Amino acid sequence: TETVSKFVDIPNDSWGVKYANIAADKEITNGVGDDKFAPDALVTDNQFASFVLRAADIGEFDWQQGIQMLIDKDVITAEDAKTMDLFTRGDMAKIIYEAKRKGLLMTEN
């Protein structure tokens, strides 16, 4: 059966639809608004940090402070934050899903 995309800009037959849907279902991402995911756009450092923090289920926070929260929690250093690479949203959805599946992040009970 074909997976139905939760986002209007990810076709149902895209390799990333499964991962984007999982990330949305797990509340790791809400997309970029207007039912869009922007799969070809670059992910900012704070967006990336927000994905990780949401996957870790730390509760409510301002996504624009994601990197600072990772620094405050000693996950990364301020120097690390200056050199972070960017990823596409599609790449990040897959990476987060696989990290959870492989036990690198806490899993839900």
PDB file of N, CA and C in Angstrom:
ATOM      1  N   THR A   1       0.833  -1.188   0.000  1.00  0.00           N
ATOM      2  CA  THR A   1       0.000   0.000   0.000  1.00  0.00           C
ATOM      3  C   THR A   1       0.875   1.248   0.000  1.00  0.00           C
ATOM      4  N   GLU A   2       0.363   2.279  -0.623  1.00  0.00           N
ATOM      5  CA  GLU A   2       1.110   3.531  -0.719  1.00  0.00           C
ATOM      6  C   GLU A   2       0.931   4.356   0.553  1.00  0.00           C
ATOM      7  N   THR A   3       2.007   4.897   1.048  1.00  0.00           N
ATOM      8  CA  THR A   3       1.963   5.770   2.203  1.00  0.00           C
ATOM      9  C   THR A   3       1.450   7.128   1.767  1.00  0.00           C
ATOM     10  N   VAL A   4       0.540   7.708   2.526  1.00  0.00           N
ATOM     11  CA  VAL A   4      -0.003   9.026   2.218  1.00  0.00           C
ATOM     12  C   VAL A   4       0.778  10.062   3.017  1.00  0.00           C
ATOM     13  N   SER A   5       1.351  11.022   2.310  1.00  0.00           N
ATOM     14  CA  SER A   5       2.166  12.051   2.937  1.00  0.00           C
ATOM     15  C   SER A   5       1.323  12.986   3.789  1.00  0.00           C
ATOM     16  N   LYS A   6       1.849  13.342   4.955  1.00  0.00           N
ATOM     17  CA  LYS A   6       1.207  14.314   5.832  1.00  0.00           C
ATOM     18  C   LYS A   6       1.529  15.744   5.389  1.00  0.00           C
ATOM     19  N   PHE A   7       2.434  15.876   4.426  1.00  0.00           N
ATOM     20  CA  PHE A   7       2.893  17.183   3.978  1.00  0.00           C
ATOM     21  C   PHE A   7       2.648  17.338   2.477  1.00  0.00           C
ATOM     22  N   VAL A   8       2.120  18.488   2.075  1.00  0.00           N
ATOM     23  CA  VAL A   8       1.748  18.692   0.671  1.00  0.00           C
ATOM     24  C   VAL A   8       2.951  18.752  -0.271  1.00  0.00           C
ATOM     25  N   ASP A   9       4.127  19.030   0.253  1.00  0.00           N
ATOM     26  CA  ASP A   9       5.303  19.139  -0.614  1.00  0.00           C
ATOM     27  C   ASP A   9       6.184  17.890  -0.608  1.00  0.00           C
ATOM     28  N   ILE A  10       5.686  16.793  -0.061  1.00  0.00           N
ATOM     29  CA  ILE A  10       6.377  15.504  -0.154  1.00  0.00           C
ATOM     30  C   ILE A  10       5.422  14.548  -0.874  1.00  0.00           C
ATOM     31  N   PRO A  11       5.763  14.138  -2.097  1.00  0.00           N
ATOM     32  CA  PRO A  11       4.896  13.219  -2.834  1.00  0.00           C
ATOM     33  C   PRO A  11       4.773  11.878  -2.109  1.00  0.00           C
ATOM     34  N   ASN A  12       3.637  11.236  -2.283  1.00  0.00           N
ATOM     35  CA  ASN A  12       3.389   9.948  -1.635  1.00  0.00           C
ATOM     36  C   ASN A  12       4.417   8.893  -2.018  1.00  0.00           C
ATOM     37  N   ASP A  13       5.008   9.012  -3.211  1.00  0.00           N
ATOM     38  CA  ASP A  13       5.969   8.006  -3.662  1.00  0.00           C
ATOM     39  C   ASP A  13       7.424   8.388  -3.361  1.00  0.00           C
ATOM     40  N   SER A  14       7.641   9.452  -2.594  1.00  0.00           N
ATOM     41  CA  SER A  14       8.987   9.888  -2.232  1.00  0.00           C
ATOM     42  C   SER A  14       9.613   8.932  -1.228  1.00  0.00           C
ATOM     43  N   TRP A  15      10.941   8.741  -1.318  1.00  0.00           N
ATOM     44  CA  TRP A  15      11.644   7.904  -0.355  1.00  0.00           C
ATOM     45  C   TRP A  15      11.505   8.456   1.061  1.00  0.00           C
ATOM     46  N   GLY A  16      11.321   9.775   1.209  1.00  0.00           N
ATOM     47  CA  GLY A  16      11.308  10.405   2.524  1.00  0.00           C
ATOM     48  C   GLY A  16       9.953  10.493   3.195  1.00  0.00           C
ATOM     49  N   VAL A  17       8.889  10.137   2.473  1.00  0.00           N
ATOM     50  CA  VAL A  17       7.558  10.307   3.044  1.00  0.00           C
ATOM     51  C   VAL A  17       7.388   9.496   4.331  1.00  0.00           C
ATOM     52  N   LYS A  18       7.872   8.284   4.352  1.00  0.00           N
ATOM     53  CA  LYS A  18       7.753   7.434   5.540  1.00  0.00           C
ATOM     54  C   LYS A  18       8.422   8.093   6.745  1.00  0.00           C
ATOM     55  N   TYR A  19       9.620   8.617   6.540  1.00  0.00           N
ATOM     56  CA  TYR A  19      10.391   9.203   7.635  1.00  0.00           C
ATOM     57  C   TYR A  19       9.803  10.529   8.103  1.00  0.00           C
ATOM     58  N   ALA A  20       9.342  11.348   7.172  1.00  0.00           N
ATOM     59  CA  ALA A  20       8.710  12.616   7.548  1.00  0.00           C
ATOM     60  C   ALA A  20       7.428  12.351   8.325  1.00  0.00           C
ATOM     61  N   ASN A  21       6.645  11.369   7.889  1.00  0.00           N
ATOM     62  CA  ASN A  21       5.415  11.017   8.600  1.00  0.00           C
ATOM     63  C   ASN A  21       5.707  10.510  10.006  1.00  0.00           C
ATOM     64  N   ILE A  22       6.729   9.690  10.150  1.00  0.00           N
ATOM     65  CA  ILE A  22       7.101   9.183  11.474  1.00  0.00           C
ATOM     66  C   ILE A  22       7.515  10.339  12.377  1.00  0.00           C
ATOM     67  N   ALA A  23       8.342  11.248  11.860  1.00  0.00           N
ATOM     68  CA  ALA A  23       8.790  12.399  12.643  1.00  0.00           C
ATOM     69  C   ALA A  23       7.600  13.263  13.068  1.00  0.00           C
ATOM     70  N   ALA A  24       6.620  13.427  12.193  1.00  0.00           N
ATOM     71  CA  ALA A  24       5.420  14.192  12.542  1.00  0.00           C
ATOM     72  C   ALA A  24       4.593  13.445  13.589  1.00  0.00           C
ATOM     73  N   ASP A  25       4.415  12.138  13.385  1.00  0.00           N
ATOM     74  CA  ASP A  25       3.641  11.333  14.339  1.00  0.00           C
ATOM     75  C   ASP A  25       4.268  11.349  15.732  1.00  0.00           C
ATOM     76  N   LYS A  26       5.592  11.362  15.796  1.00  0.00           N
ATOM     77  CA  LYS A  26       6.315  11.358  17.071  1.00  0.00           C
ATOM     78  C   LYS A  26       6.487  12.770  17.643  1.00  0.00           C
ATOM     79  N   GLU A  27       5.915  13.775  16.932  1.00  0.00           N
ATOM     80  CA  GLU A  27       6.001  15.182  17.322  1.00  0.00           C
ATOM     81  C   GLU A  27       7.432  15.688  17.388  1.00  0.00           C
ATOM     82  N   ILE A  28       8.276  15.143  16.532  1.00  0.00           N
ATOM     83  CA  ILE A  28       9.646  15.625  16.402  1.00  0.00           C
ATOM     84  C   ILE A  28       9.676  16.844  15.499  1.00  0.00           C
ATOM     85  N   THR A  29       8.748  16.902  14.552  1.00  0.00           N
ATOM     86  CA  THR A  29       8.628  18.055  13.671  1.00  0.00           C
ATOM     87  C   THR A  29       7.171  18.374  13.424  1.00  0.00           C
ATOM     88  N   ASN A  30       6.924  19.652  13.178  1.00  0.00           N
ATOM     89  CA  ASN A  30       5.603  20.119  12.785  1.00  0.00           C
ATOM     90  C   ASN A  30       5.638  20.625  11.348  1.00  0.00           C
ATOM     91  N   GLY A  31       6.770  20.464  10.690  1.00  0.00           N
ATOM     92  CA  GLY A  31       6.937  21.040   9.365  1.00  0.00           C
ATOM     93  C   GLY A  31       7.241  22.525   9.475  1.00  0.00           C
ATOM     94  N   VAL A  32       7.085  23.218   8.348  1.00  0.00           N
ATOM     95  CA  VAL A  32       7.420  24.643   8.306  1.00  0.00           C
ATOM     96  C   VAL A  32       6.186  25.529   8.215  1.00  0.00           C
ATOM     97  N   GLY A  33       5.005  24.940   8.333  1.00  0.00           N
ATOM     98  CA  GLY A  33       3.756  25.690   8.246  1.00  0.00           C
ATOM     99  C   GLY A  33       3.036  25.405   6.943  1.00  0.00           C
ATOM    100  N   ASP A  34       1.758  25.704   6.897  1.00  0.00           N
ATOM    101  CA  ASP A  34       0.931  25.497   5.701  1.00  0.00           C
ATOM    102  C   ASP A  34       0.993  24.058   5.201  1.00  0.00           C
ATOM    103  N   ASP A  35       1.078  23.090   6.106  1.00  0.00           N
ATOM    104  CA  ASP A  35       1.154  21.663   5.767  1.00  0.00           C
ATOM    105  C   ASP A  35       2.354  21.329   4.892  1.00  0.00           C
ATOM    106  N   LYS A  36       3.427  22.113   5.019  1.00  0.00           N
ATOM    107  CA  LYS A  36       4.639  21.885   4.232  1.00  0.00           C
ATOM    108  C   LYS A  36       5.769  21.421   5.134  1.00  0.00           C
ATOM    109  N   PHE A  37       6.683  20.671   4.530  1.00  0.00           N
ATOM    110  CA  PHE A  37       7.849  20.129   5.214  1.00  0.00           C
ATOM    111  C   PHE A  37       9.147  20.744   4.711  1.00  0.00           C
ATOM    112  N   ALA A  38       9.135  21.258   3.484  1.00  0.00           N
ATOM    113  CA  ALA A  38      10.326  21.836   2.835  1.00  0.00           C
ATOM    114  C   ALA A  38      11.468  20.825   2.783  1.00  0.00           C
ATOM    115  N   PRO A  39      11.247  19.650   2.141  1.00  0.00           N
ATOM    116  CA  PRO A  39      12.249  18.584   2.163  1.00  0.00           C
ATOM    117  C   PRO A  39      13.574  18.928   1.496  1.00  0.00           C
ATOM    118  N   ASP A  40      13.594  19.927   0.637  1.00  0.00           N
ATOM    119  CA  ASP A  40      14.838  20.291  -0.040  1.00  0.00           C
ATOM    120  C   ASP A  40      15.523  21.507   0.579  1.00  0.00           C
ATOM    121  N   ALA A  41      14.921  22.086   1.601  1.00  0.00           N
ATOM    122  CA  ALA A  41      15.504  23.254   2.253  1.00  0.00           C
ATOM    123  C   ALA A  41      16.565  22.826   3.253  1.00  0.00           C
ATOM    124  N   LEU A  42      17.512  23.695   3.503  1.00  0.00           N
ATOM    125  CA  LEU A  42      18.518  23.431   4.525  1.00  0.00           C
ATOM    126  C   LEU A  42      17.901  23.580   5.907  1.00  0.00           C
ATOM    127  N   VAL A  43      18.335  22.759   6.822  1.00  0.00           N
ATOM    128  CA  VAL A  43      17.873  22.810   8.202  1.00  0.00           C
ATOM    129  C   VAL A  43      18.844  23.694   8.980  1.00  0.00           C
ATOM    130  N   THR A  44      18.289  24.606   9.767  1.00  0.00           N
ATOM    131  CA  THR A  44      19.163  25.461  10.578  1.00  0.00           C
ATOM    132  C   THR A  44      19.644  24.708  11.807  1.00  0.00           C
ATOM    133  N   ASP A  45      20.633  25.253  12.454  1.00  0.00           N
ATOM    134  CA  ASP A  45      21.159  24.617  13.656  1.00  0.00           C
ATOM    135  C   ASP A  45      20.096  24.512  14.749  1.00  0.00           C
ATOM    136  N   ASN A  46      19.277  25.530  14.920  1.00  0.00           N
ATOM    137  CA  ASN A  46      18.233  25.475  15.941  1.00  0.00           C
ATOM    138  C   ASN A  46      17.132  24.482  15.574  1.00  0.00           C
ATOM    139  N   GLN A  47      16.827  24.353  14.300  1.00  0.00           N
ATOM    140  CA  GLN A  47      15.853  23.351  13.883  1.00  0.00           C
ATOM    141  C   GLN A  47      16.395  21.952  14.172  1.00  0.00           C
ATOM    142  N   PHE A  48      17.640  21.724  13.828  1.00  0.00           N
ATOM    143  CA  PHE A  48      18.270  20.427  14.096  1.00  0.00           C
ATOM    144  C   PHE A  48      18.256  20.115  15.588  1.00  0.00           C
ATOM    145  N   ALA A  49      18.653  21.099  16.391  1.00  0.00           N
ATOM    146  CA  ALA A  49      18.663  20.909  17.844  1.00  0.00           C
ATOM    147  C   ALA A  49      17.257  20.615  18.353  1.00  0.00           C
ATOM    148  N   SER A  50      16.268  21.279  17.791  1.00  0.00           N
ATOM    149  CA  SER A  50      14.885  21.057  18.207  1.00  0.00           C
ATOM    150  C   SER A  50      14.430  19.640  17.913  1.00  0.00           C
ATOM    151  N   PHE A  51      14.828  19.112  16.757  1.00  0.00           N
ATOM    152  CA  PHE A  51      14.491  17.722  16.441  1.00  0.00           C
ATOM    153  C   PHE A  51      15.043  16.789  17.517  1.00  0.00           C
ATOM    154  N   VAL A  52      16.293  16.993  17.863  1.00  0.00           N
ATOM    155  CA  VAL A  52      16.950  16.142  18.861  1.00  0.00           C
ATOM    156  C   VAL A  52      16.274  16.293  20.220  1.00  0.00           C
ATOM    157  N   LEU A  53      16.006  17.523  20.620  1.00  0.00           N
ATOM    158  CA  LEU A  53      15.378  17.765  21.923  1.00  0.00           C
ATOM    159  C   LEU A  53      13.966  17.193  21.989  1.00  0.00           C
ATOM    160  N   ARG A  54      13.223  17.330  20.906  1.00  0.00           N
ATOM    161  CA  ARG A  54      11.874  16.743  20.886  1.00  0.00           C
ATOM    162  C   ARG A  54      11.954  15.224  20.935  1.00  0.00           C
ATOM    163  N   ALA A  55      12.910  14.669  20.215  1.00  0.00           N
ATOM    164  CA  ALA A  55      13.086  13.211  20.241  1.00  0.00           C
ATOM    165  C   ALA A  55      13.449  12.739  21.641  1.00  0.00           C
ATOM    166  N   ALA A  56      14.164  13.567  22.384  1.00  0.00           N
ATOM    167  CA  ALA A  56      14.535  13.239  23.763  1.00  0.00           C
ATOM    168  C   ALA A  56      13.398  13.523  24.737  1.00  0.00           C
ATOM    169  N   ASP A  57      12.303  14.108  24.232  1.00  0.00           N
ATOM    170  CA  ASP A  57      11.091  14.354  25.020  1.00  0.00           C
ATOM    171  C   ASP A  57      11.381  15.179  26.266  1.00  0.00           C
ATOM    172  N   ILE A  58      12.031  16.330  26.074  1.00  0.00           N
ATOM    173  CA  ILE A  58      12.368  17.171  27.228  1.00  0.00           C
ATOM    174  C   ILE A  58      11.259  18.128  27.627  1.00  0.00           C
ATOM    175  N   GLY A  59      10.167  18.172  26.886  1.00  0.00           N
ATOM    176  CA  GLY A  59       9.062  19.071  27.216  1.00  0.00           C
ATOM    177  C   GLY A  59       9.067  20.309  26.342  1.00  0.00           C
ATOM    178  N   GLU A  60       8.282  21.283  26.741  1.00  0.00           N
ATOM    179  CA  GLU A  60       8.128  22.508  25.955  1.00  0.00           C
ATOM    180  C   GLU A  60       9.395  23.366  26.009  1.00  0.00           C
ATOM    181  N   PHE A  61       9.705  23.991  24.880  1.00  0.00           N
ATOM    182  CA  PHE A  61      10.836  24.903  24.805  1.00  0.00           C
ATOM    183  C   PHE A  61      10.684  25.769  23.560  1.00  0.00           C
ATOM    184  N   ASP A  62      11.430  26.844  23.494  1.00  0.00           N
ATOM    185  CA  ASP A  62      11.454  27.729  22.330  1.00  0.00           C
ATOM    186  C   ASP A  62      12.450  27.156  21.338  1.00  0.00           C
ATOM    187  N   TRP A  63      11.961  26.686  20.198  1.00  0.00           N
ATOM    188  CA  TRP A  63      12.833  26.021  19.227  1.00  0.00           C
ATOM    189  C   TRP A  63      13.985  26.921  18.799  1.00  0.00           C
ATOM    190  N   GLN A  64      13.809  28.232  18.870  1.00  0.00           N
ATOM    191  CA  GLN A  64      14.871  29.147  18.454  1.00  0.00           C
ATOM    192  C   GLN A  64      16.036  29.163  19.448  1.00  0.00           C
ATOM    193  N   GLN A  65      15.847  28.519  20.576  1.00  0.00           N
ATOM    194  CA  GLN A  65      16.903  28.408  21.587  1.00  0.00           C
ATOM    195  C   GLN A  65      17.468  26.994  21.659  1.00  0.00           C
ATOM    196  N   GLY A  66      17.167  26.158  20.658  1.00  0.00           N
ATOM    197  CA  GLY A  66      17.573  24.760  20.673  1.00  0.00           C
ATOM    198  C   GLY A  66      19.060  24.540  20.859  1.00  0.00           C
ATOM    199  N   ILE A  67      19.858  25.238  20.090  1.00  0.00           N
ATOM    200  CA  ILE A  67      21.314  25.071  20.192  1.00  0.00           C
ATOM    201  C   ILE A  67      21.798  25.467  21.580  1.00  0.00           C
ATOM    202  N   GLN A  68      21.291  26.586  22.088  1.00  0.00           N
ATOM    203  CA  GLN A  68      21.712  27.015  23.424  1.00  0.00           C
ATOM    204  C   GLN A  68      21.323  25.980  24.466  1.00  0.00           C
ATOM    205  N   MET A  69      20.165  25.347  24.296  1.00  0.00           N
ATOM    206  CA  MET A  69      19.751  24.304  25.239  1.00  0.00           C
ATOM    207  C   MET A  69      20.705  23.110  25.190  1.00  0.00           C
ATOM    208  N   LEU A  70      21.143  22.743  23.982  1.00  0.00           N
ATOM    209  CA  LEU A  70      22.108  21.639  23.878  1.00  0.00           C
ATOM    210  C   LEU A  70      23.436  22.010  24.520  1.00  0.00           C
ATOM    211  N   ILE A  71      23.822  23.257  24.383  1.00  0.00           N
ATOM    212  CA  ILE A  71      25.052  23.730  25.035  1.00  0.00           C
ATOM    213  C   ILE A  71      24.869  23.694  26.552  1.00  0.00           C
ATOM    214  N   ASP A  72      23.728  24.216  27.029  1.00  0.00           N
ATOM    215  CA  ASP A  72      23.453  24.248  28.474  1.00  0.00           C
ATOM    216  C   ASP A  72      23.419  22.852  29.077  1.00  0.00           C
ATOM    217  N   LYS A  73      22.988  21.862  28.308  1.00  0.00           N
ATOM    218  CA  LYS A  73      22.907  20.482  28.789  1.00  0.00           C
ATOM    219  C   LYS A  73      24.205  19.713  28.548  1.00  0.00           C
ATOM    220  N   ASP A  74      25.251  20.413  28.117  1.00  0.00           N
ATOM    221  CA  ASP A  74      26.559  19.818  27.847  1.00  0.00           C
ATOM    222  C   ASP A  74      26.510  18.730  26.785  1.00  0.00           C
ATOM    223  N   VAL A  75      25.540  18.836  25.882  1.00  0.00           N
ATOM    224  CA  VAL A  75      25.477  17.911  24.751  1.00  0.00           C
ATOM    225  C   VAL A  75      26.507  18.318  23.708  1.00  0.00           C
ATOM    226  N   ILE A  76      26.633  19.618  23.480  1.00  0.00           N
ATOM    227  CA  ILE A  76      27.652  20.173  22.591  1.00  0.00           C
ATOM    228  C   ILE A  76      28.285  21.371  23.284  1.00  0.00           C
ATOM    229  N   THR A  77      29.415  21.789  22.756  1.00  0.00           N
ATOM    230  CA  THR A  77      30.070  22.986  23.279  1.00  0.00           C
ATOM    231  C   THR A  77      29.701  24.178  22.406  1.00  0.00           C
ATOM    232  N   ALA A  78      29.953  25.365  22.901  1.00  0.00           N
ATOM    233  CA  ALA A  78      29.716  26.571  22.105  1.00  0.00           C
ATOM    234  C   ALA A  78      30.571  26.535  20.846  1.00  0.00           C
ATOM    235  N   GLU A  79      31.774  26.004  20.957  1.00  0.00           N
ATOM    236  CA  GLU A  79      32.654  25.874  19.785  1.00  0.00           C
ATOM    237  C   GLU A  79      32.059  24.901  18.771  1.00  0.00           C
ATOM    238  N   ASP A  80      31.504  23.781  19.253  1.00  0.00           N
ATOM    239  CA  ASP A  80      30.832  22.834  18.363  1.00  0.00           C
ATOM    240  C   ASP A  80      29.709  23.523  17.597  1.00  0.00           C
ATOM    241  N   ALA A  81      28.943  24.345  18.299  1.00  0.00           N
ATOM    242  CA  ALA A  81      27.791  25.007  17.699  1.00  0.00           C
ATOM    243  C   ALA A  81      28.203  25.903  16.534  1.00  0.00           C
ATOM    244  N   LYS A  82      29.388  26.457  16.607  1.00  0.00           N
ATOM    245  CA  LYS A  82      29.869  27.342  15.541  1.00  0.00           C
ATOM    246  C   LYS A  82      30.226  26.586  14.267  1.00  0.00           C
ATOM    247  N   THR A  83      30.450  25.282  14.371  1.00  0.00           N
ATOM    248  CA  THR A  83      30.930  24.517  13.222  1.00  0.00           C
ATOM    249  C   THR A  83      29.943  23.457  12.736  1.00  0.00           C
ATOM    250  N   MET A  84      28.698  23.493  13.230  1.00  0.00           N
ATOM    251  CA  MET A  84      27.720  22.484  12.829  1.00  0.00           C
ATOM    252  C   MET A  84      27.410  22.566  11.337  1.00  0.00           C
ATOM    253  N   ASP A  85      27.346  21.415  10.696  1.00  0.00           N
ATOM    254  CA  ASP A  85      26.937  21.344   9.298  1.00  0.00           C
ATOM    255  C   ASP A  85      25.413  21.388   9.220  1.00  0.00           C
ATOM    256  N   LEU A  86      24.901  21.719   8.043  1.00  0.00           N
ATOM    257  CA  LEU A  86      23.458  21.745   7.823  1.00  0.00           C
ATOM    258  C   LEU A  86      23.019  20.489   7.082  1.00  0.00           C
ATOM    259  N   PHE A  87      21.794  20.043   7.307  1.00  0.00           N
ATOM    260  CA  PHE A  87      21.223  18.875   6.660  1.00  0.00           C
ATOM    261  C   PHE A  87      19.886  19.255   6.049  1.00  0.00           C
ATOM    262  N   THR A  88      19.397  18.476   5.067  1.00  0.00           N
ATOM    263  CA  THR A  88      18.037  18.699   4.575  1.00  0.00           C
ATOM    264  C   THR A  88      17.057  18.143   5.595  1.00  0.00           C
ATOM    265  N   ARG A  89      15.849  18.617   5.558  1.00  0.00           N
ATOM    266  CA  ARG A  89      14.829  18.104   6.482  1.00  0.00           C
ATOM    267  C   ARG A  89      14.578  16.620   6.233  1.00  0.00           C
ATOM    268  N   GLY A  90      14.616  16.211   4.989  1.00  0.00           N
ATOM    269  CA  GLY A  90      14.445  14.794   4.679  1.00  0.00           C
ATOM    270  C   GLY A  90      15.542  13.949   5.302  1.00  0.00           C
ATOM    271  N   ASP A  91      16.776  14.417   5.209  1.00  0.00           N
ATOM    272  CA  ASP A  91      17.888  13.699   5.830  1.00  0.00           C
ATOM    273  C   ASP A  91      17.694  13.614   7.346  1.00  0.00           C
ATOM    274  N   MET A  92      17.287  14.721   7.943  1.00  0.00           N
ATOM    275  CA  MET A  92      17.138  14.747   9.396  1.00  0.00           C
ATOM    276  C   MET A  92      16.020  13.828   9.858  1.00  0.00           C
ATOM    277  N   ALA A  93      14.915  13.791   9.115  1.00  0.00           N
ATOM    278  CA  ALA A  93      13.820  12.901   9.502  1.00  0.00           C
ATOM    279  C   ALA A  93      14.297  11.453   9.513  1.00  0.00           C
ATOM    280  N   LYS A  94      15.060  11.087   8.515  1.00  0.00           N
ATOM    281  CA  LYS A  94      15.570   9.717   8.458  1.00  0.00           C
ATOM    282  C   LYS A  94      16.567   9.460   9.586  1.00  0.00           C
ATOM    283  N   ILE A  95      17.480  10.378   9.814  1.00  0.00           N
ATOM    284  CA  ILE A  95      18.495  10.208  10.852  1.00  0.00           C
ATOM    285  C   ILE A  95      17.845  10.083  12.228  1.00  0.00           C
ATOM    286  N   ILE A  96      16.880  10.943  12.518  1.00  0.00           N
ATOM    287  CA  ILE A  96      16.219  10.887  13.826  1.00  0.00           C
ATOM    288  C   ILE A  96      15.473   9.573  13.989  1.00  0.00           C
ATOM    289  N   TYR A  97      14.756   9.167  12.960  1.00  0.00           N
ATOM    290  CA  TYR A  97      14.012   7.907  13.047  1.00  0.00           C
ATOM    291  C   TYR A  97      14.969   6.742  13.299  1.00  0.00           C
ATOM    292  N   GLU A  98      16.053   6.688  12.541  1.00  0.00           N
ATOM    293  CA  GLU A  98      17.002   5.582  12.694  1.00  0.00           C
ATOM    294  C   GLU A  98      17.688   5.629  14.053  1.00  0.00           C
ATOM    295  N   ALA A  99      17.995   6.818  14.542  1.00  0.00           N
ATOM    296  CA  ALA A  99      18.630   6.934  15.859  1.00  0.00           C
ATOM    297  C   ALA A  99      17.697   6.400  16.948  1.00  0.00           C
ATOM    298  N   LYS A 100      16.414   6.714  16.842  1.00  0.00           N
ATOM    299  CA  LYS A 100      15.454   6.192  17.824  1.00  0.00           C
ATOM    300  C   LYS A 100      15.325   4.682  17.681  1.00  0.00           C
ATOM    301  N   ARG A 101      15.205   4.222  16.459  1.00  0.00           N
ATOM    302  CA  ARG A 101      15.008   2.794  16.219  1.00  0.00           C
ATOM    303  C   ARG A 101      16.188   1.976  16.730  1.00  0.00           C
ATOM    304  N   LYS A 102      17.376   2.534  16.619  1.00  0.00           N
ATOM    305  CA  LYS A 102      18.583   1.831  17.040  1.00  0.00           C
ATOM    306  C   LYS A 102      18.920   2.063  18.511  1.00  0.00           C
ATOM    307  N   GLY A 103      18.070   2.769  19.226  1.00  0.00           N
ATOM    308  CA  GLY A 103      18.258   2.966  20.656  1.00  0.00           C
ATOM    309  C   GLY A 103      19.222   4.070  21.029  1.00  0.00           C
ATOM    310  N   LEU A 104      19.617   4.926  20.090  1.00  0.00           N
ATOM    311  CA  LEU A 104      20.537   6.017  20.421  1.00  0.00           C
ATOM    312  C   LEU A 104      19.836   7.136  21.178  1.00  0.00           C
ATOM    313  N   LEU A 105      18.530   7.230  21.022  1.00  0.00           N
ATOM    314  CA  LEU A 105      17.715   8.172  21.775  1.00  0.00           C
ATOM    315  C   LEU A 105      16.712   7.373  22.581  1.00  0.00           C
ATOM    316  N   MET A 106      16.237   7.938  23.646  1.00  0.00           N
ATOM    317  CA  MET A 106      15.245   7.250  24.478  1.00  0.00           C
ATOM    318  C   MET A 106      14.038   6.890  23.622  1.00  0.00           C
ATOM    319  N   THR A 107      13.480   5.725  23.828  1.00  0.00           N
ATOM    320  CA  THR A 107      12.272   5.317  23.127  1.00  0.00           C
ATOM    321  C   THR A 107      11.082   5.446  24.052  1.00  0.00           C
ATOM    322  N   GLU A 108       9.918   5.628  23.455  1.00  0.00           N
ATOM    323  CA  GLU A 108       8.690   5.742  24.244  1.00  0.00           C
ATOM    324  C   GLU A 108       8.251   4.391  24.714  1.00  0.00           C
ATOM    325  N   ASN A 109       7.627   4.343  25.862  1.00  0.00           N
ATOM    326  CA  ASN A 109       7.075   3.089  26.379  1.00  0.00           C
ATOM    327  C   ASN A 109       5.657   2.911  25.926  1.00  0.00           C
TER     328      ASN A 109
END
